[in-house]
Protein backbone atom coordinates (compact mmCIF):
# COMPACT_ATOMS: atom_id res chain seq x y z
CA UNK A 1 -86.51 100.51 -164.90
CA UNK A 2 -83.69 98.20 -165.92
CA UNK A 3 -80.01 98.87 -166.11
CA UNK A 4 -79.04 96.87 -169.18
CA UNK A 5 -80.20 94.92 -172.23
CA UNK A 6 -78.76 91.44 -172.83
CA UNK A 7 -78.61 90.64 -176.55
CA UNK A 8 -78.98 87.02 -177.68
CA UNK A 9 -78.63 86.36 -181.40
CA UNK A 10 -80.16 83.50 -183.37
CA UNK A 11 -76.93 81.49 -183.41
CA UNK A 12 -76.30 82.02 -179.70
CA UNK A 13 -78.94 79.71 -178.26
CA UNK A 14 -76.82 78.46 -175.37
CA UNK A 15 -77.76 78.88 -171.72
CA UNK A 16 -74.10 79.33 -170.76
CA UNK A 17 -73.67 82.19 -173.26
CA UNK A 18 -71.23 84.77 -171.85
CA UNK A 19 -73.80 87.59 -172.16
CA UNK A 20 -76.41 85.59 -170.24
CA UNK A 21 -73.92 84.81 -167.49
CA UNK A 22 -73.49 88.56 -167.00
CA UNK A 23 -77.22 89.24 -166.77
CA UNK A 24 -78.68 90.50 -163.52
CA UNK A 25 -82.22 90.03 -162.24
CA UNK A 26 -83.37 93.42 -163.56
CA UNK A 27 -81.79 93.08 -167.01
CA UNK A 28 -83.89 92.40 -170.11
CA UNK A 29 -82.91 89.75 -172.63
CA UNK A 30 -83.49 91.01 -176.17
CA UNK A 31 -84.15 88.53 -178.99
CA UNK A 32 -85.51 89.46 -182.39
CA UNK A 33 -86.45 87.95 -185.74
CA UNK A 34 -85.47 90.78 -188.07
CA UNK A 35 -85.57 91.30 -191.80
CA UNK A 36 -81.92 92.33 -192.05
CA UNK A 37 -80.73 88.99 -190.69
CA UNK A 38 -83.31 86.95 -192.56
CA UNK A 39 -82.47 88.48 -195.94
CA UNK A 40 -78.83 89.70 -196.10
CA UNK A 41 -78.50 86.63 -198.31
CA UNK A 42 -81.53 84.71 -199.65
CA UNK A 43 -81.32 82.00 -196.98
CA UNK A 44 -82.75 78.55 -197.55
CA UNK A 45 -86.30 78.57 -196.08
CA UNK A 46 -85.40 75.60 -193.87
CA UNK A 47 -82.60 77.60 -192.24
CA UNK A 48 -84.86 80.54 -191.50
CA UNK A 49 -87.55 78.26 -190.08
CA UNK A 50 -85.02 76.37 -187.98
CA UNK A 51 -83.60 79.50 -186.42
CA UNK A 52 -86.92 81.24 -185.81
CA UNK A 53 -88.42 78.14 -184.20
CA UNK A 54 -85.31 77.48 -182.11
CA UNK A 55 -85.20 81.13 -181.03
CA UNK A 56 -88.84 81.08 -179.92
CA UNK A 57 -88.32 77.92 -177.91
CA UNK A 58 -85.14 79.25 -176.36
CA UNK A 59 -86.90 82.46 -175.34
CA UNK A 60 -89.67 80.41 -173.74
CA UNK A 61 -87.09 78.41 -171.80
CA UNK A 62 -85.41 81.58 -170.55
CA UNK A 63 -88.79 82.87 -169.35
CA UNK A 64 -89.40 79.57 -167.53
CA UNK A 65 -86.09 80.16 -165.76
CA UNK A 66 -87.29 83.56 -164.59
CA UNK A 67 -85.60 85.72 -167.20
CA UNK A 68 -87.26 88.89 -168.46
CA UNK A 69 -87.29 88.42 -172.24
CA UNK A 70 -88.32 91.01 -174.84
CA UNK A 71 -88.92 88.98 -177.98
CA UNK A 72 -89.77 90.40 -181.39
CA UNK A 73 -91.35 88.16 -184.00
CA UNK A 74 -90.87 88.88 -187.68
CA UNK A 75 -94.52 89.86 -188.17
CA UNK A 76 -94.60 92.21 -185.14
CA UNK A 77 -95.98 95.54 -186.40
CA UNK A 78 -93.36 97.43 -184.35
CA UNK A 79 -90.43 95.38 -185.68
CA UNK A 80 -87.72 97.80 -186.84
CA UNK A 81 -86.10 95.23 -189.14
CA UNK A 82 -82.57 95.26 -187.68
CA UNK A 83 -80.75 94.16 -184.55
CA UNK A 84 -79.58 97.66 -183.69
CA UNK A 85 -83.06 99.02 -184.38
CA UNK A 86 -84.54 96.54 -181.92
CA UNK A 87 -81.94 97.40 -179.32
CA UNK A 88 -82.79 101.10 -179.62
CA UNK A 89 -86.52 100.37 -179.43
CA UNK A 90 -86.15 98.17 -176.36
CA UNK A 91 -83.76 100.67 -174.73
CA UNK A 92 -86.38 103.39 -175.03
CA UNK A 93 -89.13 101.04 -173.84
CA UNK A 94 -87.23 99.93 -170.73
CA UNK A 95 -85.14 102.98 -170.00
CA UNK A 96 -81.84 101.23 -170.66
CA UNK A 97 -78.67 102.73 -172.12
CA UNK A 98 -76.24 99.81 -171.99
CA UNK A 99 -76.13 96.53 -173.91
CA UNK A 100 -74.24 93.37 -173.03
CA UNK A 101 -73.66 91.12 -176.04
CA UNK A 102 -71.63 88.07 -176.89
CA UNK A 103 -69.43 88.81 -179.88
CA UNK A 104 -71.24 87.87 -183.10
CA UNK A 105 -69.69 85.44 -185.57
CA UNK A 106 -69.67 87.88 -188.49
CA UNK A 107 -67.75 91.12 -188.97
CA UNK A 108 -70.92 92.64 -190.41
CA UNK A 109 -72.74 92.38 -187.08
CA UNK A 110 -69.70 93.18 -184.96
CA UNK A 111 -69.36 96.48 -186.81
CA UNK A 112 -73.11 97.17 -186.56
CA UNK A 113 -72.92 96.81 -182.78
CA UNK A 114 -69.81 99.00 -182.68
CA UNK A 115 -71.77 101.71 -184.49
CA UNK A 116 -74.84 101.42 -182.26
CA UNK A 117 -75.63 104.70 -180.39
CA UNK A 118 -76.02 102.73 -177.16
CA UNK A 119 -73.07 101.59 -175.07
CA UNK A 120 -72.47 98.02 -176.25
CA UNK A 121 -70.03 95.68 -174.53
CA UNK A 122 -69.12 92.66 -176.64
CA UNK A 123 -67.92 89.72 -174.56
CA UNK A 124 -65.85 86.86 -175.89
CA UNK A 125 -67.76 83.91 -177.27
CA UNK A 126 -66.21 81.29 -175.04
CA UNK A 127 -68.38 78.49 -176.42
CA UNK A 128 -65.43 77.93 -178.74
CA UNK A 129 -62.35 76.08 -177.53
CA UNK A 130 -59.74 78.52 -178.86
CA UNK A 131 -60.03 82.23 -178.15
CA UNK A 132 -58.89 84.80 -180.72
CA UNK A 133 -55.75 85.51 -178.71
CA UNK A 134 -54.98 81.82 -178.33
CA UNK A 135 -55.25 81.25 -182.06
CA UNK A 136 -53.12 84.30 -182.78
CA UNK A 137 -50.48 83.13 -180.33
CA UNK A 138 -50.40 79.78 -182.11
CA UNK A 139 -50.23 81.43 -185.55
CA UNK A 140 -47.67 84.16 -184.83
CA UNK A 141 -44.32 83.51 -186.48
CA UNK A 142 -45.44 80.47 -188.47
CA UNK A 143 -44.71 80.41 -192.20
CA UNK A 144 -47.68 78.12 -192.81
CA UNK A 145 -50.88 77.98 -190.78
CA UNK A 146 -51.63 74.29 -191.27
CA UNK A 147 -54.66 72.91 -189.49
CA UNK A 148 -52.98 69.65 -188.47
CA UNK A 149 -50.58 71.36 -186.07
CA UNK A 150 -53.33 73.50 -184.57
CA UNK A 151 -55.52 70.42 -184.17
CA UNK A 152 -52.86 68.62 -182.18
CA UNK A 153 -52.67 71.55 -179.78
CA UNK A 154 -56.47 71.41 -179.37
CA UNK A 155 -56.22 67.70 -178.58
CA UNK A 156 -53.65 68.46 -175.90
CA UNK A 157 -55.72 71.31 -174.49
CA UNK A 158 -58.97 69.36 -174.28
CA UNK A 159 -57.46 65.98 -173.46
CA UNK A 160 -59.68 64.38 -176.08
CA UNK A 161 -58.37 61.00 -177.29
CA UNK A 162 -55.18 61.40 -175.32
CA UNK A 163 -53.20 58.79 -173.40
CA UNK A 164 -51.21 61.09 -171.19
CA UNK A 165 -49.04 63.11 -173.55
CA UNK A 166 -49.56 60.74 -176.47
CA UNK A 167 -52.51 60.41 -178.86
CA UNK A 168 -54.85 57.48 -178.34
CA UNK A 169 -54.17 54.68 -180.81
CA UNK A 170 -50.60 55.84 -181.32
CA UNK A 171 -51.36 58.36 -184.10
CA UNK A 172 -52.78 61.86 -184.25
CA UNK A 173 -54.57 61.35 -187.53
CA UNK A 174 -56.32 58.31 -188.99
CA UNK A 175 -57.46 60.05 -192.17
CA UNK A 176 -55.78 57.40 -194.32
CA UNK A 177 -58.42 54.94 -193.09
CA UNK A 178 -61.31 57.29 -193.84
CA UNK A 179 -61.33 57.37 -197.63
CA UNK A 180 -63.43 54.39 -198.62
CA UNK A 181 -65.65 54.77 -201.69
CA UNK A 182 -69.43 54.60 -201.48
CA UNK A 183 -70.70 51.31 -200.00
CA UNK A 184 -73.18 49.01 -201.71
CA UNK A 185 -75.63 49.52 -198.85
CA UNK A 186 -75.98 51.94 -195.91
CA UNK A 187 -77.13 50.48 -192.61
CA UNK A 188 -77.95 53.84 -191.00
CA UNK A 189 -81.45 55.16 -191.57
CA UNK A 190 -80.36 58.79 -191.53
CA UNK A 191 -80.43 61.62 -188.99
CA UNK A 192 -83.17 61.66 -186.37
CA UNK A 193 -86.20 63.51 -187.70
CA UNK A 194 -88.76 65.43 -185.64
CA UNK A 195 -92.41 66.10 -186.42
CA UNK A 196 -93.19 69.85 -186.29
CA UNK A 197 -95.03 70.90 -183.14
CA UNK A 198 -97.30 73.93 -182.78
CA UNK A 199 -94.45 76.42 -182.47
CA UNK A 200 -92.68 75.02 -185.50
CA UNK A 201 -95.93 74.90 -187.47
CA UNK A 202 -96.56 78.61 -186.87
CA UNK A 203 -93.02 79.43 -187.98
CA UNK A 204 -93.35 77.31 -191.11
CA UNK A 205 -96.48 79.19 -192.11
CA UNK A 206 -94.72 82.52 -191.51
CA UNK A 207 -91.64 81.52 -193.50
CA UNK A 208 -93.78 80.18 -196.31
CA UNK A 209 -95.56 83.53 -196.59
CA UNK A 210 -92.46 85.68 -196.40
CA UNK A 211 -89.73 83.58 -198.00
CA UNK A 212 -91.61 81.15 -200.20
CA UNK A 213 -89.71 82.28 -203.30
CA UNK A 214 -86.26 81.61 -201.86
CA UNK A 215 -84.29 78.69 -203.28
CA UNK A 216 -85.04 75.58 -201.26
CA UNK A 217 -87.87 73.34 -200.11
CA UNK A 218 -89.38 74.37 -196.79
CA UNK A 219 -91.37 71.18 -196.32
CA UNK A 220 -91.07 68.50 -195.17
CA UNK A 221 -89.33 70.04 -192.17
CA UNK A 222 -87.68 67.69 -189.68
CA UNK A 223 -84.87 69.56 -187.89
CA UNK A 224 -84.52 69.57 -184.12
CA UNK A 225 -85.50 72.97 -182.73
CA UNK A 226 -84.54 72.78 -179.05
CA UNK A 227 -81.69 71.47 -176.97
CA UNK A 228 -83.49 68.30 -175.91
CA UNK A 229 -84.21 67.29 -179.48
CA UNK A 230 -80.68 68.17 -180.57
CA UNK A 231 -79.26 65.93 -177.85
CA UNK A 232 -81.50 63.09 -179.00
CA UNK A 233 -80.21 63.63 -182.54
CA UNK A 234 -76.64 63.45 -181.22
CA UNK A 235 -77.32 60.21 -179.33
CA UNK A 236 -78.97 58.75 -182.44
CA UNK A 237 -75.86 59.54 -184.50
CA UNK A 238 -73.41 58.20 -181.93
CA UNK A 239 -75.32 54.95 -181.64
CA UNK A 240 -76.26 54.31 -185.26
CA UNK A 241 -73.78 56.12 -187.51
CA UNK A 242 -70.51 56.92 -185.75
CA UNK A 243 -69.07 53.38 -185.98
CA UNK A 244 -68.92 53.66 -189.78
CA UNK A 245 -68.72 57.44 -190.08
CA UNK A 246 -64.96 57.39 -190.56
CA UNK A 247 -64.92 54.75 -193.27
CA UNK A 248 -67.48 56.49 -195.47
CA UNK A 249 -67.31 60.16 -194.46
CA UNK A 250 -66.11 61.15 -197.96
CA UNK A 251 -68.46 58.86 -199.91
CA UNK A 252 -71.47 60.03 -201.95
CA UNK A 253 -74.60 58.23 -203.16
CA UNK A 254 -77.26 59.60 -205.47
CA UNK A 255 -80.12 57.99 -203.57
CA UNK A 256 -78.84 58.53 -200.02
CA UNK A 257 -78.35 62.11 -198.93
CA UNK A 258 -76.81 61.31 -195.56
CA UNK A 259 -74.96 57.95 -195.52
CA UNK A 260 -73.38 57.95 -192.04
CA UNK A 261 -73.57 61.70 -191.38
CA UNK A 262 -75.61 63.04 -188.47
CA UNK A 263 -76.40 66.58 -189.74
CA UNK A 264 -75.38 68.00 -186.37
CA UNK A 265 -73.50 71.08 -187.60
CA UNK A 266 -76.57 73.32 -187.72
CA UNK A 267 -77.34 72.50 -184.06
CA UNK A 268 -73.72 73.07 -183.09
CA UNK A 269 -73.43 76.37 -184.97
CA UNK A 270 -76.69 77.69 -183.50
CA UNK A 271 -75.69 76.79 -179.95
CA UNK A 272 -78.11 73.95 -179.22
CA UNK A 273 -75.13 71.62 -178.83
CA UNK A 274 -71.64 72.46 -177.59
CA UNK A 275 -68.43 71.23 -179.21
CA UNK A 276 -67.18 69.47 -176.09
CA UNK A 277 -70.55 67.84 -175.48
CA UNK A 278 -70.43 66.33 -178.96
CA UNK A 279 -66.79 65.30 -178.74
CA UNK A 280 -67.13 63.74 -175.29
CA UNK A 281 -70.04 61.65 -176.54
CA UNK A 282 -67.90 60.37 -179.42
CA UNK A 283 -64.91 59.76 -177.17
CA UNK A 284 -67.08 57.79 -174.76
CA UNK A 285 -68.22 55.56 -177.62
CA UNK A 286 -64.57 54.81 -178.41
CA UNK A 287 -63.72 54.11 -174.78
CA UNK A 288 -66.65 51.69 -174.50
CA UNK A 289 -65.59 49.90 -177.67
CA UNK A 290 -68.71 51.02 -179.55
CA UNK A 291 -66.86 52.95 -182.28
CA UNK A 292 -63.38 52.51 -183.80
CA UNK A 293 -60.58 55.03 -183.40
CA UNK A 294 -60.57 56.08 -187.07
CA UNK A 295 -64.24 57.07 -186.91
CA UNK A 296 -64.01 58.90 -183.59
CA UNK A 297 -60.75 60.67 -184.39
CA UNK A 298 -62.03 61.78 -187.79
CA UNK A 299 -65.25 63.09 -186.27
CA UNK A 300 -63.54 64.94 -183.43
CA UNK A 301 -61.02 66.43 -185.86
CA UNK A 302 -63.85 68.07 -187.81
CA UNK A 303 -65.02 69.83 -184.64
CA UNK A 304 -61.96 70.82 -182.61
CA UNK A 305 -59.70 70.86 -185.66
CA UNK A 306 -61.36 72.22 -188.76
CA UNK A 307 -64.21 74.13 -187.12
CA UNK A 308 -61.99 75.93 -184.62
CA UNK A 309 -59.29 76.52 -187.22
CA UNK A 310 -61.76 78.04 -189.69
CA UNK A 311 -62.99 80.47 -187.07
CA UNK A 312 -59.44 81.36 -186.12
CA UNK A 313 -58.52 82.14 -189.73
CA UNK A 314 -61.65 84.25 -190.27
CA UNK A 315 -61.01 86.53 -187.32
CA UNK A 316 -57.23 86.65 -187.72
CA UNK A 317 -57.41 87.63 -191.40
CA UNK A 318 -59.90 90.43 -190.81
CA UNK A 319 -63.05 91.88 -192.38
CA UNK A 320 -61.69 91.91 -195.94
CA UNK A 321 -60.96 88.17 -195.99
CA UNK A 322 -64.22 87.28 -197.74
CA UNK A 323 -63.39 89.75 -200.54
CA UNK A 324 -60.12 88.11 -201.58
CA UNK A 325 -59.67 86.76 -205.09
CA UNK A 326 -56.01 85.85 -205.52
CA UNK A 327 -56.62 83.80 -208.68
CA UNK A 328 -58.58 86.59 -210.36
CA UNK A 329 -61.66 84.47 -211.09
CA UNK A 330 -64.59 86.51 -212.38
CA UNK A 331 -67.05 84.22 -214.14
CA UNK A 332 -70.64 84.39 -212.96
CA UNK A 333 -72.13 81.52 -211.01
CA UNK A 334 -74.14 79.46 -213.52
CA UNK A 335 -77.87 78.99 -213.11
CA UNK A 336 -77.61 75.27 -212.45
CA UNK A 337 -76.37 76.07 -208.94
CA UNK A 338 -79.88 77.44 -208.41
CA UNK A 339 -81.62 74.47 -209.96
CA UNK A 340 -81.44 75.11 -213.70
CA UNK A 341 -80.87 72.09 -215.91
CA UNK A 342 -77.42 70.53 -216.14
CA UNK A 343 -76.29 67.27 -217.71
CA UNK A 344 -73.57 66.84 -215.07
CA UNK A 345 -75.05 64.23 -212.73
CA UNK A 346 -72.79 65.04 -209.77
CA UNK A 347 -73.78 68.71 -209.80
CA UNK A 348 -77.43 67.87 -210.43
CA UNK A 349 -77.62 65.42 -207.52
CA UNK A 350 -75.79 67.70 -205.10
CA UNK A 351 -77.86 70.78 -205.94
CA UNK A 352 -81.12 68.80 -205.80
CA UNK A 353 -80.17 67.46 -202.37
CA UNK A 354 -79.19 70.94 -201.23
CA UNK A 355 -82.53 72.32 -202.37
CA UNK A 356 -84.41 69.59 -200.55
CA UNK A 357 -82.42 69.32 -197.32
CA UNK A 358 -80.43 72.58 -196.91
CA UNK A 359 -77.55 70.15 -196.43
CA UNK A 360 -74.65 68.52 -198.26
CA UNK A 361 -71.61 67.00 -196.60
CA UNK A 362 -68.08 68.34 -196.83
CA UNK A 363 -66.98 66.37 -199.90
CA UNK A 364 -70.09 67.28 -201.88
CA UNK A 365 -69.31 70.91 -201.09
CA UNK A 366 -65.55 70.74 -201.59
CA UNK A 367 -65.05 68.27 -204.43
CA UNK A 368 -68.28 68.63 -206.43
CA UNK A 369 -69.77 72.15 -206.31
CA UNK A 370 -66.61 73.80 -205.00
CA UNK A 371 -64.27 71.92 -207.30
CA UNK A 372 -66.33 72.78 -210.36
CA UNK A 373 -66.49 76.47 -209.41
CA UNK A 374 -62.73 76.63 -208.95
CA UNK A 375 -61.99 74.80 -212.20
CA UNK A 376 -64.44 77.01 -214.10
CA UNK A 377 -62.99 80.25 -212.72
CA UNK A 378 -66.16 81.45 -211.02
CA UNK A 379 -66.01 84.51 -208.78
CA UNK A 380 -65.25 83.30 -205.24
CA UNK A 381 -67.60 85.95 -203.85
CA UNK A 382 -70.47 84.53 -205.89
CA UNK A 383 -69.52 81.06 -204.73
CA UNK A 384 -69.53 82.14 -201.08
CA UNK A 385 -72.84 83.95 -201.55
CA UNK A 386 -74.33 80.67 -202.79
CA UNK A 387 -73.01 78.61 -199.89
CA UNK A 388 -74.25 81.22 -197.42
CA UNK A 389 -77.65 81.14 -199.08
CA UNK A 390 -78.34 77.43 -199.34
CA UNK A 391 -77.01 75.65 -196.24
CA UNK A 392 -78.64 75.55 -192.82
CA UNK A 393 -75.30 75.56 -191.00
CA UNK A 394 -73.88 78.55 -192.90
CA UNK A 395 -72.44 81.57 -191.09
CA UNK A 396 -69.70 83.80 -192.40
CA UNK A 397 -67.17 82.82 -189.71
CA UNK A 398 -67.25 79.20 -190.86
CA UNK A 399 -67.97 79.70 -194.57
CA UNK A 400 -65.28 82.25 -195.42
CA UNK A 401 -62.24 80.13 -194.64
CA UNK A 402 -63.96 77.04 -196.04
CA UNK A 403 -64.94 78.72 -199.32
CA UNK A 404 -62.53 81.60 -199.88
CA UNK A 405 -59.64 79.62 -198.44
CA UNK A 406 -60.02 75.89 -198.70
CA UNK A 407 -62.45 75.51 -201.60
CA UNK A 408 -61.54 78.38 -203.94
CA UNK A 409 -57.91 79.13 -203.00
CA UNK A 410 -58.89 82.79 -203.20
CA UNK A 411 -56.75 83.62 -200.16
CA UNK A 412 -53.62 82.61 -202.05
CA UNK A 413 -52.69 79.76 -199.74
CA UNK A 414 -53.44 80.91 -196.20
CA UNK A 415 -55.55 77.80 -195.58
CA UNK A 416 -54.29 75.29 -198.14
CA UNK A 417 -50.87 74.53 -199.55
CA UNK A 418 -52.44 73.79 -202.93
CA UNK A 419 -55.86 74.18 -204.58
CA UNK A 420 -58.39 71.37 -204.06
CA UNK A 421 -58.96 70.49 -207.70
CA UNK A 422 -59.51 67.15 -209.37
CA UNK A 423 -60.72 65.65 -212.60
CA UNK A 424 -63.80 63.48 -212.75
CA UNK A 425 -61.86 60.45 -211.52
CA UNK A 426 -62.13 61.44 -207.85
CA UNK A 427 -65.89 61.89 -208.04
CA UNK A 428 -66.22 58.57 -209.86
CA UNK A 429 -64.17 56.81 -207.19
CA UNK A 430 -66.09 58.23 -204.25
CA UNK A 431 -69.65 58.13 -205.62
CA UNK A 432 -72.14 56.46 -207.92
CA UNK A 433 -72.93 59.77 -209.63
CA UNK A 434 -71.06 59.04 -212.84
CA UNK A 435 -73.02 55.93 -213.72
CA UNK A 436 -76.10 57.82 -214.92
CA UNK A 437 -74.33 60.92 -216.23
CA UNK A 438 -74.73 62.18 -219.79
CA UNK A 439 -70.94 62.65 -219.86
CA UNK A 440 -68.35 59.89 -219.70
CA UNK A 441 -65.90 60.21 -216.84
CA UNK A 442 -63.51 57.92 -218.72
CA UNK A 443 -63.51 60.20 -221.76
CA UNK A 444 -60.76 62.81 -221.51
CA UNK A 445 -61.37 64.71 -224.75
CA UNK A 446 -63.87 64.73 -227.58
CA UNK A 447 -67.55 63.81 -227.73
CA UNK A 448 -69.03 63.22 -224.27
CA UNK A 449 -65.87 64.10 -222.35
CA UNK A 450 -66.49 64.81 -218.68
CA UNK A 451 -66.32 68.60 -218.14
CA UNK A 452 -64.27 68.06 -214.97
CA UNK A 453 -61.59 66.37 -217.08
CA UNK A 454 -61.42 69.24 -219.56
CA UNK A 455 -61.61 72.02 -216.99
CA UNK A 456 -58.99 70.40 -214.75
CA UNK A 457 -56.27 70.70 -217.35
CA UNK A 458 -57.45 74.13 -218.43
CA UNK A 459 -57.17 75.29 -214.82
CA UNK A 460 -53.68 73.84 -214.49
CA UNK A 461 -52.53 75.57 -217.67
CA UNK A 462 -54.24 78.86 -216.82
CA UNK A 463 -52.44 79.05 -213.47
CA UNK A 464 -49.21 77.38 -214.45
CA UNK A 465 -46.97 80.23 -213.45
CA UNK A 466 -48.37 80.17 -209.93
CA UNK A 467 -48.48 76.42 -209.32
CA UNK A 468 -45.86 74.61 -211.40
CA UNK A 469 -43.26 75.12 -208.68
CA UNK A 470 -45.52 73.57 -206.04
CA UNK A 471 -44.03 70.14 -205.23
CA UNK A 472 -47.50 68.72 -204.58
CA UNK A 473 -48.52 69.58 -208.15
CA UNK A 474 -45.32 68.80 -210.03
CA UNK A 475 -46.42 65.32 -211.04
CA UNK A 476 -49.60 66.59 -212.69
CA UNK A 477 -47.69 69.21 -214.67
CA UNK A 478 -45.31 66.48 -215.79
CA UNK A 479 -48.30 64.41 -216.95
CA UNK A 480 -49.69 67.41 -218.86
CA UNK A 481 -46.33 68.09 -220.50
CA UNK A 482 -46.06 64.51 -221.70
CA UNK A 483 -49.30 64.78 -223.63
CA UNK A 484 -49.20 65.27 -227.37
CA UNK A 485 -49.27 68.98 -228.24
CA UNK A 486 -52.37 68.58 -230.44
CA UNK A 487 -54.19 66.81 -227.62
CA UNK A 488 -53.34 69.59 -225.19
CA UNK A 489 -54.59 72.19 -227.64
CA UNK A 490 -57.82 70.25 -228.20
CA UNK A 491 -58.45 69.95 -224.44
CA UNK A 492 -58.00 73.69 -223.94
CA UNK A 493 -60.22 74.48 -226.93
CA UNK A 494 -63.00 72.16 -225.73
CA UNK A 495 -62.78 73.54 -222.19
CA UNK A 496 -63.14 77.08 -223.55
CA UNK A 497 -66.10 76.05 -225.69
CA UNK A 498 -67.77 74.48 -222.66
CA UNK A 499 -67.24 77.61 -220.54
CA UNK A 500 -68.57 79.87 -223.28
CA UNK A 501 -71.70 77.75 -223.66
CA UNK A 502 -72.19 77.81 -219.90
CA UNK A 503 -71.77 81.59 -219.80
CA UNK A 504 -74.42 81.98 -222.51
CA UNK A 505 -76.88 80.00 -220.42
CA UNK A 506 -76.97 76.97 -222.72
CA UNK A 507 -77.60 73.63 -220.98
CA UNK A 508 -74.30 71.93 -220.18
């Protein structure tokens, strides 16, 4: 008989997981592929396959290390379909009454474990750099919770890119150097790709049978599915892409899904890579002279800055954070987010890439799909549901602050000091999408006008009372006010016509 069960979730595939560190020789590690987790949103098939394959390989590794692992596959006839159900089944099977778990990254699962009839101890997830209490201590008493100030504290704590008490290169932030438009050619061949082995092949067949109707292409499948492969993918990125990552991190190309991005976030968020492991590899490249400071600083900021900050906001703001809708947006998400026809080339390219790869980089998410949703007044909950459904790196702890806060301004300004909205000009500057679009990005009103141009001004007018006093938006309101009154009326009328056609399901 055993004394305890040790729960390991699908995004906790780290050997130094706090729950595993507490495990004794007689304890049983419980891992399970369950319907509740595979279907609480209609996940991209690639994400499901990635996690199931990585879980199976992680369980095998634990067994090789002498751990007693009780693993439930999705097609196990005795599978109860939920994490708590599997805990109860394994507790009865092994005579256990206590569970040791590492705190999940979603309130939904935290509350499920709190309600479990067994005694469940949830340990801190110390794979992150900032604990909940540390983030709260930083945030307490501040009028604005701006990421930049938190990021600097994380630099000091970790020592990353620090020269004593001062930042390497003399500045904390080199973002000004990281805004180059799309290059004529990309010298990086893309993220390292892996041929499915027998374990992955079995999972692909299972996912195809059970989730074949979900949005997204399951095959070809090339993700890393164990720690060794993930580390090879990291080394491949550091060597081949990091030197130019900073320059072109915001750029977009219709025929290149990755540019200089490494697609490492899914490995990081599942636990196959650790944040400090990734950051130290980037820092080493800078110290050896293999990558410039703007690239390395920008990359590290995404991990110990934005990623840690987003988690801190999610847990500080509480379980209702994902339900916020400060701007009162209620339109339904249009079908073209799920692959229906649209004449907007930027949306079409981004959604097609998402369907194929379960991936889009931060500017495609923020300034294309997110920007359009915000301008169009789409329900932020429907927007978050979509992001949770279609991306392989998506978990609520990281998506909520990114979508509800940064992308949709639905938290009223907790994350951002102003909404991230733009007309078509930004997309035109940073991509080649506009060249083959049915709309003209240079046309502001009338036949063929870019919808982003129309909806931008409609958004500004719709929320004028809230934003006209914002000093970062004053110039745009002044530009709007200088327009001829008839032109303003025509823009608002054409924006409304566009939104009505979209709501009726007509191709737009």
